[in-house]
């Protein structure tokens, strides 16, 4: 089990920082570091972070239903934390449950309107549904928020 899921936030933070030194554009490491820093600074409850990391661990092992169960627990503890909905939404997309994914990613954006990665992932889900105009709109918004994310330009290019 990973450091974050075991409440070893200091160790997890160090690992995410190492990953970002190797690849400063690693969006997964950036997102994980945000969660760890929020837990360390008590902006979110540590139990929320633990369930998020357990969910991510299950997701990485393709145990998607178990991942969603953990994300549900995180949302129950802290329904105002955008990352809870983001992670569950991306897992729903992986499962092919596009409507659930769009709903969760929209909730993440509602809670954090500057969440470029949520716009990007919602755009990907719109592509999966064949709704290219909505996808392009979301990719464009993500670029406006973070114009240095090459992945979003790539995704938008595939959608045009």
Protein backbone atom coordinates (compact mmCIF):
# COMPACT_ATOMS: atom_id res chain seq x y z
CA UNK A 1 0.00 0.00 0.00
CA UNK A 2 1.25 3.49 -0.78
CA UNK A 3 2.41 6.13 1.71
CA UNK A 4 -0.65 8.35 1.26
CA UNK A 5 -3.09 5.53 1.98
CA UNK A 6 -1.09 4.62 5.10
CA UNK A 7 -1.22 8.18 6.51
CA UNK A 8 2.51 8.66 5.91
CA UNK A 9 2.04 12.08 4.39
CA UNK A 10 5.59 13.32 4.89
CA UNK A 11 7.03 10.34 3.02
CA UNK A 12 4.40 10.64 0.29
CA UNK A 13 5.16 14.33 -0.15
CA UNK A 14 8.86 13.57 -0.56
CA UNK A 15 8.12 10.97 -3.25
CA UNK A 16 5.83 13.29 -5.20
CA UNK A 17 8.44 16.05 -5.03
CA UNK A 18 11.06 13.61 -6.39
CA UNK A 19 8.73 12.71 -9.25
CA UNK A 20 8.26 16.38 -10.10
CA UNK A 21 12.03 16.97 -10.13
CA UNK A 22 12.30 14.24 -12.75
CA UNK A 23 9.25 15.42 -14.71
CA UNK A 24 7.93 18.86 -13.72
CA UNK A 25 4.89 18.31 -15.97
CA UNK A 26 3.72 15.07 -14.33
CA UNK A 27 0.09 16.00 -13.69
CA UNK A 28 -0.60 12.94 -11.51
CA UNK A 29 2.27 13.86 -9.19
CA UNK A 30 1.11 17.50 -9.10
CA UNK A 31 -2.44 16.46 -8.18
CA UNK A 32 -1.21 14.03 -5.52
CA UNK A 33 1.10 16.67 -4.06
CA UNK A 34 -1.86 19.08 -3.80
CA UNK A 35 -3.81 16.48 -1.82
CA UNK A 36 -0.89 15.76 0.51
CA UNK A 37 -0.23 19.45 1.11
CA UNK A 38 -3.93 20.04 1.80
CA UNK A 39 -3.91 17.20 4.35
CA UNK A 40 -0.69 18.36 6.00
CA UNK A 41 -2.00 21.92 6.31
CA UNK A 42 -5.38 20.64 7.57
CA UNK A 43 -7.26 22.18 4.63
CA UNK A 44 -8.85 18.75 4.27
CA UNK A 45 -9.32 16.00 6.80
CA UNK A 46 -6.58 13.40 6.76
CA UNK A 47 -9.23 10.67 6.41
CA UNK A 48 -10.33 12.28 3.16
CA UNK A 49 -6.78 12.08 1.80
CA UNK A 50 -6.39 8.49 2.99
CA UNK A 51 -9.55 7.40 1.14
CA UNK A 52 -8.47 9.32 -1.95
CA UNK A 53 -5.12 7.55 -2.00
CA UNK A 54 -6.70 4.16 -1.33
CA UNK A 55 -9.04 4.84 -4.23
CA UNK A 56 -6.17 5.86 -6.49
CA UNK A 57 -4.30 2.71 -5.51
CA UNK A 58 -7.33 0.54 -6.42
CA UNK A 59 -7.76 2.50 -9.66
CA UNK A 60 -4.13 1.87 -10.59
CA UNK A 61 -4.76 -1.87 -10.13
CA UNK A 62 -7.93 -1.73 -12.29
CA UNK A 63 -10.11 -2.44 -9.25
CA UNK A 64 -12.48 0.31 -10.32
CA UNK A 65 -15.47 -0.56 -8.14
CA UNK A 66 -13.25 -0.63 -5.04
CA UNK A 67 -11.77 2.71 -6.14
CA UNK A 68 -15.22 4.27 -6.44
CA UNK A 69 -16.13 2.94 -2.99
CA UNK A 70 -13.09 4.72 -1.52
CA UNK A 71 -13.87 7.94 -3.41
CA UNK A 72 -17.46 7.75 -2.11
CA UNK A 73 -16.07 7.59 1.43
CA UNK A 74 -13.87 10.64 0.76
CA UNK A 75 -16.87 12.57 -0.58
CA UNK A 76 -18.96 11.61 2.44
CA UNK A 77 -16.25 12.97 4.76
CA UNK A 78 -15.63 16.16 2.78
CA UNK A 79 -18.20 16.89 0.06
CA UNK A 80 -16.69 20.31 -0.61
CA UNK A 81 -13.30 19.06 -1.81
CA UNK A 82 -13.11 19.15 -5.61
CA UNK A 83 -10.43 16.44 -5.81
CA UNK A 84 -12.92 13.89 -4.43
CA UNK A 85 -15.20 14.38 -7.42
CA UNK A 86 -12.32 14.66 -9.88
CA UNK A 87 -10.85 11.28 -8.96
CA UNK A 88 -14.21 9.53 -8.91
CA UNK A 89 -15.13 11.17 -12.22
CA UNK A 90 -11.99 9.98 -13.96
CA UNK A 91 -12.64 6.46 -12.66
CA UNK A 92 -16.20 6.57 -13.97
CA UNK A 93 -14.77 7.59 -17.35
CA UNK A 94 -12.40 4.61 -17.28
CA UNK A 95 -15.42 2.38 -16.58
CA UNK A 96 -17.22 3.88 -19.58
CA UNK A 97 -19.81 5.57 -17.38
CA UNK A 98 -19.53 8.88 -19.19
CA UNK A 99 -22.62 10.56 -17.74
CA UNK A 100 -21.46 9.86 -14.18
CA UNK A 101 -17.98 11.08 -15.12
CA UNK A 102 -19.30 14.34 -16.58
CA UNK A 103 -21.46 14.90 -13.51
CA UNK A 104 -18.54 14.44 -11.11
CA UNK A 105 -16.09 16.47 -13.19
CA UNK A 106 -18.68 19.25 -13.46
CA UNK A 107 -19.04 19.19 -9.67
CA UNK A 108 -15.25 19.46 -9.32
CA UNK A 109 -15.30 22.49 -11.63
CA UNK A 110 -18.22 24.01 -9.71
CA UNK A 111 -16.22 23.68 -6.47
CA UNK A 112 -12.99 24.90 -8.09
CA UNK A 113 -13.60 26.92 -11.28
CA UNK A 114 -9.84 27.16 -11.90
CA UNK A 115 -9.37 23.38 -12.01
CA UNK A 116 -7.75 23.01 -15.43
CA UNK A 117 -7.24 19.25 -15.11
CA UNK A 118 -10.96 18.76 -14.45
CA UNK A 119 -11.79 20.67 -17.65
CA UNK A 120 -9.27 18.53 -19.53
CA UNK A 121 -10.67 15.27 -18.19
CA UNK A 122 -14.26 16.33 -18.81
CA UNK A 123 -13.18 17.18 -22.35
CA UNK A 124 -11.77 13.67 -22.72
CA UNK A 125 -15.08 12.25 -21.52
CA UNK A 126 -16.96 14.38 -24.05
CA UNK A 127 -14.68 12.97 -26.76
CA UNK A 128 -15.54 9.47 -25.54
CA UNK A 129 -19.22 10.37 -25.99
CA UNK A 130 -18.60 11.84 -29.45
CA UNK A 131 -19.53 15.35 -28.24
CA UNK A 132 -16.61 17.15 -29.85
CA UNK A 133 -17.88 20.73 -29.54
CA UNK A 134 -18.21 20.37 -25.76
CA UNK A 135 -14.79 18.71 -25.64
CA UNK A 136 -13.15 21.55 -27.58
CA UNK A 137 -14.81 24.07 -25.28
CA UNK A 138 -13.45 22.31 -22.19
CA UNK A 139 -9.95 21.93 -23.66
CA UNK A 140 -9.96 25.62 -24.56
CA UNK A 141 -10.98 26.55 -21.02
CA UNK A 142 -8.23 24.32 -19.60
CA UNK A 143 -5.70 26.07 -21.85
CA UNK A 144 -6.92 29.48 -20.71
CA UNK A 145 -6.34 28.41 -17.10
CA UNK A 146 -3.02 26.64 -17.73
CA UNK A 147 -1.49 27.49 -21.12
CA UNK A 148 1.65 25.43 -20.37
CA UNK A 149 -0.04 22.02 -20.29
CA UNK A 150 0.96 20.39 -23.58
CA UNK A 151 -1.42 17.45 -23.09
CA UNK A 152 -4.47 19.70 -23.36
CA UNK A 153 -3.31 21.15 -26.70
CA UNK A 154 -2.80 17.60 -27.92
CA UNK A 155 -6.28 16.58 -26.75
CA UNK A 156 -7.85 19.62 -28.39
CA UNK A 157 -5.96 18.88 -31.59
CA UNK A 158 -7.40 15.38 -31.70
CA UNK A 159 -10.90 16.79 -31.22
CA UNK A 160 -10.94 19.33 -34.04
